[in-house]
PDB file of N, CA and C in Angstrom:
ATOM      1  N   MET A   1     105.626  79.687  96.253  1.00  0.00           N
ATOM      2  CA  MET A   1     105.558  80.802  97.041  1.00  0.00           C
ATOM      3  C   MET A   1     104.157  80.922  97.502  1.00  0.00           C
ATOM      4  N   LYS A   2     103.947  81.261  98.613  1.00  0.00           N
ATOM      5  CA  LYS A   2     102.569  81.473  99.059  1.00  0.00           C
ATOM      6  C   LYS A   2     102.337  83.397  99.201  1.00  0.00           C
ATOM      7  N   THR A   3     101.128  83.873  98.556  1.00  0.00           N
ATOM      8  CA  THR A   3     101.192  85.109  98.561  1.00  0.00           C
ATOM      9  C   THR A   3      99.409  85.422  99.024  1.00  0.00           C
ATOM     10  N   THR A   4      99.365  86.303 100.125  1.00  0.00           N
ATOM     11  CA  THR A   4      98.018  86.389 100.756  1.00  0.00           C
ATOM     12  C   THR A   4      97.547  87.543 100.407  1.00  0.00           C
ATOM     13  N   PHE A   5      96.325  87.749 100.292  1.00  0.00           N
ATOM     14  CA  PHE A   5      95.638  88.947  99.683  1.00  0.00           C
ATOM     15  C   PHE A   5      94.485  89.146 100.676  1.00  0.00           C
ATOM     16  N   TYR A   6      94.140  90.457 101.324  1.00  0.00           N
ATOM     17  CA  TYR A   6      92.740  90.602 102.138  1.00  0.00           C
ATOM     18  C   TYR A   6      92.068  91.704 100.922  1.00  0.00           C
ATOM     19  N   VAL A   7      90.760  91.092 100.779  1.00  0.00           N
ATOM     20  CA  VAL A   7      89.880  91.737  99.788  1.00  0.00           C
ATOM     21  C   VAL A   7      88.645  92.102 100.624  1.00  0.00           C
ATOM     22  N   ALA A   8      88.204  93.357 100.572  1.00  0.00           N
ATOM     23  CA  ALA A   8      86.820  93.700 101.154  1.00  0.00           C
ATOM     24  C   ALA A   8      86.046  94.475 100.410  1.00  0.00           C
ATOM     25  N   LEU A   9      84.762  94.186 100.355  1.00  0.00           N
ATOM     26  CA  LEU A   9      83.709  94.843  99.559  1.00  0.00           C
ATOM     27  C   LEU A   9      82.673  95.747 100.280  1.00  0.00           C
ATOM     28  N   HIS A  10      82.890  96.786 100.338  1.00  0.00           N
ATOM     29  CA  HIS A  10      82.079  97.398 101.614  1.00  0.00           C
ATOM     30  C   HIS A  10      80.827  98.149 100.672  1.00  0.00           C
ATOM     31  N   THR A  11      79.750  97.559 100.848  1.00  0.00           N
ATOM     32  CA  THR A  11      78.604  97.829 100.001  1.00  0.00           C
ATOM     33  C   THR A  11      77.952  99.232 100.309  1.00  0.00           C
ATOM     34  N   HIS A  12      77.763  99.809 101.438  1.00  0.00           N
ATOM     35  CA  HIS A  12      77.457 101.074 102.097  1.00  0.00           C
ATOM     36  C   HIS A  12      75.724 100.847 101.904  1.00  0.00           C
ATOM     37  N   GLU A  13      75.401  99.759 101.729  1.00  0.00           N
ATOM     38  CA  GLU A  13      73.554  99.469 101.814  1.00  0.00           C
ATOM     39  C   GLU A  13      73.190  98.869 103.006  1.00  0.00           C
ATOM     40  N   ILE A  14      72.422  99.304 103.671  1.00  0.00           N
ATOM     41  CA  ILE A  14      71.689  99.019 105.134  1.00  0.00           C
ATOM     42  C   ILE A  14      70.780  97.836 104.481  1.00  0.00           C
ATOM     43  N   CYS A  15      70.804  96.504 105.060  1.00  0.00           N
ATOM     44  CA  CYS A  15      69.926  95.735 104.569  1.00  0.00           C
ATOM     45  C   CYS A  15      68.960  95.550 105.505  1.00  0.00           C
ATOM     46  N   GLU A  16      67.647  95.211 105.512  1.00  0.00           N
ATOM     47  CA  GLU A  16      66.601  94.828 106.290  1.00  0.00           C
ATOM     48  C   GLU A  16      66.630  93.595 106.652  1.00  0.00           C
ATOM     49  N   PRO A  17      66.280  93.094 107.873  1.00  0.00           N
ATOM     50  CA  PRO A  17      66.342  91.845 108.170  1.00  0.00           C
ATOM     51  C   PRO A  17      66.104  90.687 107.072  1.00  0.00           C
ATOM     52  N   GLU A  18      64.799  90.980 106.581  1.00  0.00           N
ATOM     53  CA  GLU A  18      64.445  89.780 105.602  1.00  0.00           C
ATOM     54  C   GLU A  18      65.267  89.992 104.192  1.00  0.00           C
ATOM     55  N   SER A  19      65.961  90.844 104.064  1.00  0.00           N
ATOM     56  CA  SER A  19      66.878  90.696 102.613  1.00  0.00           C
ATOM     57  C   SER A  19      68.236  90.225 103.137  1.00  0.00           C
ATOM     58  N   TYR A  20      68.564  90.555 104.406  1.00  0.00           N
ATOM     59  CA  TYR A  20      69.708  90.036 104.446  1.00  0.00           C
ATOM     60  C   TYR A  20      70.776  88.779 103.890  1.00  0.00           C
ATOM     61  N   THR A  21      69.566  87.707 104.268  1.00  0.00           N
ATOM     62  CA  THR A  21      70.282  86.509 103.648  1.00  0.00           C
ATOM     63  C   THR A  21      70.382  86.655 102.138  1.00  0.00           C
ATOM     64  N   ARG A  22      69.502  87.024 101.476  1.00  0.00           N
ATOM     65  CA  ARG A  22      69.679  87.143  99.732  1.00  0.00           C
ATOM     66  C   ARG A  22      70.918  88.017  99.668  1.00  0.00           C
ATOM     67  N   GLU A  23      70.968  89.342 100.016  1.00  0.00           N
ATOM     68  CA  GLU A  23      72.006  90.177  99.894  1.00  0.00           C
ATOM     69  C   GLU A  23      73.567  89.247 100.166  1.00  0.00           C
ATOM     70  N   ALA A  24      73.631  88.882 101.700  1.00  0.00           N
ATOM     71  CA  ALA A  24      74.806  88.379 101.821  1.00  0.00           C
ATOM     72  C   ALA A  24      75.136  87.508 100.930  1.00  0.00           C
ATOM     73  N   GLY A  25      74.193  86.385 100.440  1.00  0.00           N
ATOM     74  CA  GLY A  25      74.369  85.443  99.336  1.00  0.00           C
ATOM     75  C   GLY A  25      75.044  85.734  97.878  1.00  0.00           C
ATOM     76  N   LYS A  26      74.325  87.068  97.395  1.00  0.00           N
ATOM     77  CA  LYS A  26      75.150  87.569  96.531  1.00  0.00           C
ATOM     78  C   LYS A  26      76.397  87.947  96.669  1.00  0.00           C
ATOM     79  N   LEU A  27      76.894  88.508  97.644  1.00  0.00           N
ATOM     80  CA  LEU A  27      78.008  88.867  98.101  1.00  0.00           C
ATOM     81  C   LEU A  27      79.309  87.640  98.121  1.00  0.00           C
ATOM     82  N   VAL A  28      78.713  86.666  98.716  1.00  0.00           N
ATOM     83  CA  VAL A  28      79.472  85.297  98.711  1.00  0.00           C
ATOM     84  C   VAL A  28      79.715  84.646  97.016  1.00  0.00           C
ATOM     85  N   GLY A  29      78.353  84.910  96.332  1.00  0.00           N
ATOM     86  CA  GLY A  29      78.544  84.424  95.010  1.00  0.00           C
ATOM     87  C   GLY A  29      79.532  85.333  94.298  1.00  0.00           C
ATOM     88  N   VAL A  30      79.684  86.679  94.205  1.00  0.00           N
ATOM     89  CA  VAL A  30      80.763  87.451  93.601  1.00  0.00           C
ATOM     90  C   VAL A  30      82.042  86.723  94.279  1.00  0.00           C
ATOM     91  N   LEU A  31      82.454  86.879  95.221  1.00  0.00           N
ATOM     92  CA  LEU A  31      83.770  86.382  95.775  1.00  0.00           C
ATOM     93  C   LEU A  31      84.054  84.981  95.208  1.00  0.00           C
ATOM     94  N   GLN A  32      83.288  84.124  95.291  1.00  0.00           N
ATOM     95  CA  GLN A  32      83.211  82.740  95.116  1.00  0.00           C
ATOM     96  C   GLN A  32      83.511  82.677  93.258  1.00  0.00           C
ATOM     97  N   SER A  33      82.624  83.376  92.603  1.00  0.00           N
ATOM     98  CA  SER A  33      82.790  83.344  91.353  1.00  0.00           C
ATOM     99  C   SER A  33      84.338  83.688  90.874  1.00  0.00           C
ATOM    100  N   ILE A  34      84.789  84.669  91.629  1.00  0.00           N
ATOM    101  CA  ILE A  34      85.989  85.469  91.162  1.00  0.00           C
ATOM    102  C   ILE A  34      87.226  84.519  91.929  1.00  0.00           C
ATOM    103  N   PHE A  35      87.210  84.097  92.937  1.00  0.00           N
ATOM    104  CA  PHE A  35      88.335  83.462  93.484  1.00  0.00           C
ATOM    105  C   PHE A  35      88.435  81.779  93.454  1.00  0.00           C
ATOM    106  N   GLY A  36      87.144  81.612  93.309  1.00  0.00           N
ATOM    107  CA  GLY A  36      87.005  79.941  93.038  1.00  0.00           C
ATOM    108  C   GLY A  36      87.054  79.367  91.636  1.00  0.00           C
ATOM    109  N   GLU A  37      87.256  80.024  90.480  1.00  0.00           N
ATOM    110  CA  GLU A  37      87.008  79.884  88.984  1.00  0.00           C
ATOM    111  C   GLU A  37      88.655  80.115  88.608  1.00  0.00           C
ATOM    112  N   ASN A  38      89.213  79.082  88.303  1.00  0.00           N
ATOM    113  CA  ASN A  38      90.687  79.212  87.586  1.00  0.00           C
ATOM    114  C   ASN A  38      90.856  80.453  86.536  1.00  0.00           C
ATOM    115  N   GLY A  39      89.671  80.164  85.486  1.00  0.00           N
ATOM    116  CA  GLY A  39      89.877  81.347  84.458  1.00  0.00           C
ATOM    117  C   GLY A  39      89.577  82.873  84.916  1.00  0.00           C
ATOM    118  N   ASN A  40      89.001  83.135  85.939  1.00  0.00           N
ATOM    119  CA  ASN A  40      88.793  84.382  86.297  1.00  0.00           C
ATOM    120  C   ASN A  40      90.108  84.690  87.245  1.00  0.00           C
ATOM    121  N   LEU A  41      90.759  83.770  87.821  1.00  0.00           N
ATOM    122  CA  LEU A  41      92.225  84.083  88.586  1.00  0.00           C
ATOM    123  C   LEU A  41      93.187  84.421  87.595  1.00  0.00           C
ATOM    124  N   ALA A  42      93.262  83.606  86.386  1.00  0.00           N
ATOM    125  CA  ALA A  42      94.083  83.748  85.665  1.00  0.00           C
ATOM    126  C   ALA A  42      94.371  85.064  84.960  1.00  0.00           C
ATOM    127  N   LEU A  43      92.878  85.869  84.575  1.00  0.00           N
ATOM    128  CA  LEU A  43      92.857  87.376  84.502  1.00  0.00           C
ATOM    129  C   LEU A  43      93.227  88.010  85.273  1.00  0.00           C
ATOM    130  N   LEU A  44      93.207  88.094  86.629  1.00  0.00           N
ATOM    131  CA  LEU A  44      93.766  88.611  87.567  1.00  0.00           C
ATOM    132  C   LEU A  44      95.174  88.601  88.055  1.00  0.00           C
ATOM    133  N   THR A  45      95.883  87.739  87.583  1.00  0.00           N
ATOM    134  CA  THR A  45      97.155  87.471  88.133  1.00  0.00           C
ATOM    135  C   THR A  45      98.098  87.454  86.892  1.00  0.00           C
ATOM    136  N   LYS A  46      99.484  87.630  87.014  1.00  0.00           N
ATOM    137  CA  LYS A  46     100.150  87.500  85.624  1.00  0.00           C
ATOM    138  C   LYS A  46     101.070  86.118  85.902  1.00  0.00           C
ATOM    139  N   VAL A  47     101.012  85.616  86.938  1.00  0.00           N
ATOM    140  CA  VAL A  47     102.005  84.303  87.029  1.00  0.00           C
ATOM    141  C   VAL A  47     100.993  83.273  87.417  1.00  0.00           C
ATOM    142  N   PRO A  48     101.239  81.845  86.597  1.00  0.00           N
ATOM    143  CA  PRO A  48     100.258  80.514  86.754  1.00  0.00           C
ATOM    144  C   PRO A  48     100.487  80.470  88.363  1.00  0.00           C
ATOM    145  N   LEU A  49      99.248  80.214  88.764  1.00  0.00           N
ATOM    146  CA  LEU A  49      99.202  79.830  90.241  1.00  0.00           C
ATOM    147  C   LEU A  49      98.862  78.177  90.209  1.00  0.00           C
ATOM    148  N   THR A  50      99.893  77.614  91.234  1.00  0.00           N
ATOM    149  CA  THR A  50      99.787  76.249  91.383  1.00  0.00           C
ATOM    150  C   THR A  50      98.542  75.910  92.692  1.00  0.00           C
ATOM    151  N   GLY A  51      98.130  76.864  93.135  1.00  0.00           N
ATOM    152  CA  GLY A  51      96.846  76.649  94.349  1.00  0.00           C
ATOM    153  C   GLY A  51      96.435  77.757  94.576  1.00  0.00           C
ATOM    154  N   CYS A  52      94.968  77.858  95.093  1.00  0.00           N
ATOM    155  CA  CYS A  52      94.545  78.998  95.922  1.00  0.00           C
ATOM    156  C   CYS A  52      93.426  78.524  96.747  1.00  0.00           C
ATOM    157  N   HIS A  53      93.432  79.100  97.696  1.00  0.00           N
ATOM    158  CA  HIS A  53      92.524  78.755  98.819  1.00  0.00           C
ATOM    159  C   HIS A  53      91.741  80.384  99.390  1.00  0.00           C
ATOM    160  N   SER A  54      90.623  80.164  99.688  1.00  0.00           N
ATOM    161  CA  SER A  54      90.198  81.676  99.690  1.00  0.00           C
ATOM    162  C   SER A  54      89.123  81.249 101.232  1.00  0.00           C
ATOM    163  N   GLU A  55      88.752  82.163 101.979  1.00  0.00           N
ATOM    164  CA  GLU A  55      88.234  82.381 102.989  1.00  0.00           C
ATOM    165  C   GLU A  55      87.220  83.495 103.182  1.00  0.00           C
ATOM    166  N   ILE A  56      85.874  83.537 103.222  1.00  0.00           N
ATOM    167  CA  ILE A  56      84.947  84.398 102.941  1.00  0.00           C
ATOM    168  C   ILE A  56      84.244  84.755 104.289  1.00  0.00           C
ATOM    169  N   GLN A  57      83.860  85.884 104.612  1.00  0.00           N
ATOM    170  CA  GLN A  57      83.124  86.198 105.919  1.00  0.00           C
ATOM    171  C   GLN A  57      82.155  87.350 105.249  1.00  0.00           C
ATOM    172  N   ILE A  58      80.746  87.280 105.627  1.00  0.00           N
ATOM    173  CA  ILE A  58      79.927  88.473 105.443  1.00  0.00           C
ATOM    174  C   ILE A  58      79.388  89.057 106.740  1.00  0.00           C
ATOM    175  N   THR A  59      79.882  90.279 106.795  1.00  0.00           N
ATOM    176  CA  THR A  59      79.223  90.991 108.237  1.00  0.00           C
ATOM    177  C   THR A  59      78.007  91.957 107.829  1.00  0.00           C
ATOM    178  N   HIS A  60      77.197  92.474 108.580  1.00  0.00           N
ATOM    179  CA  HIS A  60      76.338  93.540 108.594  1.00  0.00           C
ATOM    180  C   HIS A  60      76.727  94.600 109.371  1.00  0.00           C
ATOM    181  N   GLU A  61      77.326  95.797 109.155  1.00  0.00           N
ATOM    182  CA  GLU A  61      78.017  96.759 110.137  1.00  0.00           C
ATOM    183  C   GLU A  61      77.060  98.006 110.225  1.00  0.00           C
ATOM    184  N   ASP A  62      77.356  99.055 111.090  1.00  0.00           N
ATOM    185  CA  ASP A  62      76.795 100.300 111.154  1.00  0.00           C
ATOM    186  C   ASP A  62      76.566 101.175 109.124  1.00  0.00           C
ATOM    187  N   THR A  63      77.814 100.875 108.753  1.00  0.00           N
ATOM    188  CA  THR A  63      77.856 101.213 107.629  1.00  0.00           C
ATOM    189  C   THR A  63      77.310 100.705 106.387  1.00  0.00           C
ATOM    190  N   GLY A  64      76.732  99.315 106.772  1.00  0.00           N
ATOM    191  CA  GLY A  64      76.328  98.376 105.721  1.00  0.00           C
ATOM    192  C   GLY A  64      77.031  96.810 105.415  1.00  0.00           C
ATOM    193  N   LEU A  65      76.260  96.396 104.439  1.00  0.00           N
ATOM    194  CA  LEU A  65      76.687  94.938 104.405  1.00  0.00           C
ATOM    195  C   LEU A  65      78.263  95.134 103.678  1.00  0.00           C
ATOM    196  N   VAL A  66      79.198  94.042 104.416  1.00  0.00           N
ATOM    197  CA  VAL A  66      80.475  93.978 104.094  1.00  0.00           C
ATOM    198  C   VAL A  66      80.888  92.695 103.586  1.00  0.00           C
ATOM    199  N   GLY A  67      81.609  92.177 102.607  1.00  0.00           N
ATOM    200  CA  GLY A  67      82.306  91.217 102.404  1.00  0.00           C
ATOM    201  C   GLY A  67      83.701  91.184 102.534  1.00  0.00           C
ATOM    202  N   ARG A  68      84.266  90.138 103.315  1.00  0.00           N
ATOM    203  CA  ARG A  68      85.590  89.799 103.473  1.00  0.00           C
ATOM    204  C   ARG A  68      86.113  88.549 103.141  1.00  0.00           C
ATOM    205  N   CYS A  69      87.257  88.764 102.273  1.00  0.00           N
ATOM    206  CA  CYS A  69      87.783  87.438 101.744  1.00  0.00           C
ATOM    207  C   CYS A  69      89.319  87.777 102.026  1.00  0.00           C
ATOM    208  N   VAL A  70      90.094  86.521 102.405  1.00  0.00           N
ATOM    209  CA  VAL A  70      91.609  86.134 102.304  1.00  0.00           C
ATOM    210  C   VAL A  70      91.718  85.434 101.487  1.00  0.00           C
ATOM    211  N   VAL A  71      92.640  85.335 100.561  1.00  0.00           N
ATOM    212  CA  VAL A  71      93.019  84.511  99.384  1.00  0.00           C
ATOM    213  C   VAL A  71      94.310  84.234  99.766  1.00  0.00           C
ATOM    214  N   ASP A  72      94.985  82.890  99.915  1.00  0.00           N
ATOM    215  CA  ASP A  72      96.217  82.440  99.675  1.00  0.00           C
ATOM    216  C   ASP A  72      96.161  81.879  98.139  1.00  0.00           C
ATOM    217  N   MET A  73      97.466  82.406  97.673  1.00  0.00           N
ATOM    218  CA  MET A  73      97.784  82.043  96.293  1.00  0.00           C
ATOM    219  C   MET A  73      99.141  81.230  96.411  1.00  0.00           C
ATOM    220  N   GLN A  74      99.388  79.930  95.853  1.00  0.00           N
ATOM    221  CA  GLN A  74     100.344  79.667  95.375  1.00  0.00           C
ATOM    222  C   GLN A  74     100.980  79.727  94.334  1.00  0.00           C
ATOM    223  N   ALA A  75     101.995  80.040  93.918  1.00  0.00           N
ATOM    224  CA  ALA A  75     102.811  80.001  92.794  1.00  0.00           C
ATOM    225  C   ALA A  75     104.271  79.910  92.518  1.00  0.00           C
ATOM    226  N   THR A  76     105.101  79.782  91.574  1.00  0.00           N
ATOM    227  CA  THR A  76     106.608  79.728  91.643  1.00  0.00           C
ATOM    228  C   THR A  76     107.556  80.938  92.084  1.00  0.00           C
ATOM    229  N   LYS A  77     106.636  82.297  91.900  1.00  0.00           N
ATOM    230  CA  LYS A  77     106.989  83.298  92.594  1.00  0.00           C
ATOM    231  C   LYS A  77     105.706  84.465  93.348  1.00  0.00           C
ATOM    232  N   ARG A  78     106.103  85.418  93.555  1.00  0.00           N
ATOM    233  CA  ARG A  78     105.083  86.100  94.465  1.00  0.00           C
ATOM    234  C   ARG A  78     104.080  86.831  93.582  1.00  0.00           C
ATOM    235  N   ALA A  79     102.877  86.366  93.541  1.00  0.00           N
ATOM    236  CA  ALA A  79     101.617  86.669  92.787  1.00  0.00           C
ATOM    237  C   ALA A  79     101.111  87.810  93.034  1.00  0.00           C
ATOM    238  N   GLN A  80     100.639  88.530  92.233  1.00  0.00           N
ATOM    239  CA  GLN A  80     100.065  90.158  91.960  1.00  0.00           C
ATOM    240  C   GLN A  80      98.764  89.824  91.672  1.00  0.00           C
ATOM    241  N   LEU A  81      98.093  90.650  92.274  1.00  0.00           N
ATOM    242  CA  LEU A  81      96.425  90.674  91.977  1.00  0.00           C
ATOM    243  C   LEU A  81      96.262  92.179  91.410  1.00  0.00           C
ATOM    244  N   ASP A  82      95.682  92.166  90.319  1.00  0.00           N
ATOM    245  CA  ASP A  82      95.301  93.436  89.430  1.00  0.00           C
ATOM    246  C   ASP A  82      93.953  94.179  90.231  1.00  0.00           C
ATOM    247  N   LYS A  83      94.031  95.302  90.770  1.00  0.00           N
ATOM    248  CA  LYS A  83      93.053  95.773  91.524  1.00  0.00           C
ATOM    249  C   LYS A  83      91.848  96.338  90.424  1.00  0.00           C
ATOM    250  N   SER A  84      92.404  96.983  89.289  1.00  0.00           N
ATOM    251  CA  SER A  84      91.612  97.391  88.425  1.00  0.00           C
ATOM    252  C   SER A  84      90.864  96.386  87.745  1.00  0.00           C
ATOM    253  N   LYS A  85      91.428  95.442  87.377  1.00  0.00           N
ATOM    254  CA  LYS A  85      90.810  94.246  86.681  1.00  0.00           C
ATOM    255  C   LYS A  85      89.596  93.715  87.775  1.00  0.00           C
ATOM    256  N   LEU A  86      90.277  93.628  89.209  1.00  0.00           N
ATOM    257  CA  LEU A  86      89.271  92.972  90.037  1.00  0.00           C
ATOM    258  C   LEU A  86      88.136  93.816  90.218  1.00  0.00           C
ATOM    259  N   SER A  87      88.216  94.951  90.280  1.00  0.00           N
ATOM    260  CA  SER A  87      87.241  96.230  90.648  1.00  0.00           C
ATOM    261  C   SER A  87      86.309  96.018  89.476  1.00  0.00           C
ATOM    262  N   THR A  88      86.926  96.046  88.248  1.00  0.00           N
ATOM    263  CA  THR A  88      85.886  95.726  87.100  1.00  0.00           C
ATOM    264  C   THR A  88      84.849  94.273  87.169  1.00  0.00           C
ATOM    265  N   MET A  89      85.741  93.194  87.327  1.00  0.00           N
ATOM    266  CA  MET A  89      84.756  92.150  87.794  1.00  0.00           C
ATOM    267  C   MET A  89      83.862  92.015  88.618  1.00  0.00           C
ATOM    268  N   ILE A  90      84.275  92.769  89.628  1.00  0.00           N
ATOM    269  CA  ILE A  90      83.439  92.543  90.818  1.00  0.00           C
ATOM    270  C   ILE A  90      82.116  93.712  90.555  1.00  0.00           C
ATOM    271  N   ARG A  91      82.352  94.832  90.066  1.00  0.00           N
ATOM    272  CA  ARG A  91      81.398  95.734  89.318  1.00  0.00           C
ATOM    273  C   ARG A  91      80.434  95.234  88.476  1.00  0.00           C
ATOM    274  N   ALA A  92      80.840  94.564  87.757  1.00  0.00           N
ATOM    275  CA  ALA A  92      80.115  94.172  86.563  1.00  0.00           C
ATOM    276  C   ALA A  92      79.062  92.938  87.270  1.00  0.00           C
ATOM    277  N   GLN A  93      79.209  92.447  88.307  1.00  0.00           N
ATOM    278  CA  GLN A  93      78.426  91.459  88.954  1.00  0.00           C
ATOM    279  C   GLN A  93      77.661  92.095  90.000  1.00  0.00           C
ATOM    280  N   THR A  94      77.601  93.141  90.454  1.00  0.00           N
ATOM    281  CA  THR A  94      76.982  93.767  91.174  1.00  0.00           C
ATOM    282  C   THR A  94      76.337  94.747  91.008  1.00  0.00           C
ATOM    283  N   ALA A  95      75.145  95.288  92.003  1.00  0.00           N
ATOM    284  CA  ALA A  95      74.298  96.811  91.861  1.00  0.00           C
ATOM    285  C   ALA A  95      74.351  97.616  92.784  1.00  0.00           C
ATOM    286  N   TRP A  96      75.615  97.601  93.771  1.00  0.00           N
ATOM    287  CA  TRP A  96      75.743  98.603  94.835  1.00  0.00           C
ATOM    288  C   TRP A  96      76.554  99.576  94.001  1.00  0.00           C
ATOM    289  N   PRO A  97      76.092 100.897  93.819  1.00  0.00           N
ATOM    290  CA  PRO A  97      76.512 101.930  93.336  1.00  0.00           C
ATOM    291  C   PRO A  97      77.726 102.687  94.192  1.00  0.00           C
ATOM    292  N   ARG A  98      77.669 102.549  95.628  1.00  0.00           N
ATOM    293  CA  ARG A  98      78.342 103.024  96.205  1.00  0.00           C
ATOM    294  C   ARG A  98      79.414 102.167  96.833  1.00  0.00           C
ATOM    295  N   MET A  99      79.648 101.005  96.464  1.00  0.00           N
ATOM    296  CA  MET A  99      80.473 100.408  97.023  1.00  0.00           C
ATOM    297  C   MET A  99      82.054 100.593  96.876  1.00  0.00           C
ATOM    298  N   LYS A 100      82.703 100.146  98.054  1.00  0.00           N
ATOM    299  CA  LYS A 100      84.152 100.354  98.025  1.00  0.00           C
ATOM    300  C   LYS A 100      85.157  99.202  97.965  1.00  0.00           C
ATOM    301  N   ILE A 101      85.702  99.005  96.980  1.00  0.00           N
ATOM    302  CA  ILE A 101      86.445  97.939  97.311  1.00  0.00           C
ATOM    303  C   ILE A 101      88.159  98.073  97.678  1.00  0.00           C
ATOM    304  N   GLU A 102      88.310  96.938  98.750  1.00  0.00           N
ATOM    305  CA  GLU A 102      89.654  97.122  99.169  1.00  0.00           C
ATOM    306  C   GLU A 102      90.458  96.006  99.143  1.00  0.00           C
ATOM    307  N   LYS A 103      91.792  96.233  98.544  1.00  0.00           N
ATOM    308  CA  LYS A 103      92.832  94.921  98.309  1.00  0.00           C
ATOM    309  C   LYS A 103      93.961  95.427  98.863  1.00  0.00           C
ATOM    310  N   ARG A 104      94.456  94.520  99.713  1.00  0.00           N
ATOM    311  CA  ARG A 104      95.837  94.566 100.417  1.00  0.00           C
ATOM    312  C   ARG A 104      96.625  93.543 100.398  1.00  0.00           C
ATOM    313  N   ILE A 105      97.793  93.391 100.420  1.00  0.00           N
ATOM    314  CA  ILE A 105      98.693  92.316 100.456  1.00  0.00           C
ATOM    315  C   ILE A 105      99.072  91.937 101.816  1.00  0.00           C
ATOM    316  N   VAL A 106      98.670  90.699 102.576  1.00  0.00           N
ATOM    317  CA  VAL A 106      98.935  90.416 103.755  1.00  0.00           C
ATOM    318  C   VAL A 106     100.531  89.601 103.784  1.00  0.00           C
ATOM    319  N   PRO A 107     101.476  90.560 104.522  1.00  0.00           N
ATOM    320  CA  PRO A 107     102.450  90.219 104.334  1.00  0.00           C
ATOM    321  C   PRO A 107     103.111  88.949 105.391  1.00  0.00           C
ATOM    322  N   GLU A 108     103.869  88.044 104.970  1.00  0.00           N
ATOM    323  CA  GLU A 108     104.138  86.775 105.649  1.00  0.00           C
ATOM    324  C   GLU A 108     105.140  86.999 106.708  1.00  0.00           C
ATOM    325  N   PRO A 109     104.914  85.918 107.942  1.00  0.00           N
ATOM    326  CA  PRO A 109     105.835  86.538 108.775  1.00  0.00           C
ATOM    327  C   PRO A 109     107.102  86.781 108.853  1.00  0.00           C
ATOM    328  N   GLU A 110     107.901  85.984 107.681  1.00  0.00           N
ATOM    329  CA  GLU A 110     109.149  86.387 107.414  1.00  0.00           C
ATOM    330  C   GLU A 110     109.461  87.616 106.612  1.00  0.00           C
ATOM    331  N   ASP A 111     108.367  88.212 106.090  1.00  0.00           N
ATOM    332  CA  ASP A 111     108.483  89.408 105.398  1.00  0.00           C
ATOM    333  C   ASP A 111     108.608  90.757 106.443  1.00  0.00           C
ATOM    334  N   VAL A 112     108.022  90.534 107.608  1.00  0.00           N
ATOM    335  CA  VAL A 112     107.898  91.634 108.496  1.00  0.00           C
ATOM    336  C   VAL A 112     109.186  91.727 109.287  1.00  0.00           C
ATOM    337  N   ALA A 113     109.568  93.078 109.310  1.00  0.00           N
ATOM    338  CA  ALA A 113     111.013  93.453 109.827  1.00  0.00           C
ATOM    339  C   ALA A 113     110.634  93.405 111.675  1.00  0.00           C
TER     340      ALA A 113
END
């Protein structure tokens, strides 16, 4: 069964043009380290995953640097993503004190009424 999550990291930090590439790289690195490593995924989910695919997008908006990630998880039953553990992992790797972490499940078309 596929379960899809949307995760967004809103840093609320405005980047100067010369620091954008470095700061965007940090956001990509954080998201890749969490959703690209089996050990970290196992800590965040309660069911064993048979597959995982993620797509990452980094943008600079009026409110600051934002990292967005769509994560497709394959498992024998619906996967759950523990937001408190996810937040702890993210905050341990970052230094943006005003960062807001957003996590939502994306309903599958057959789940939509």
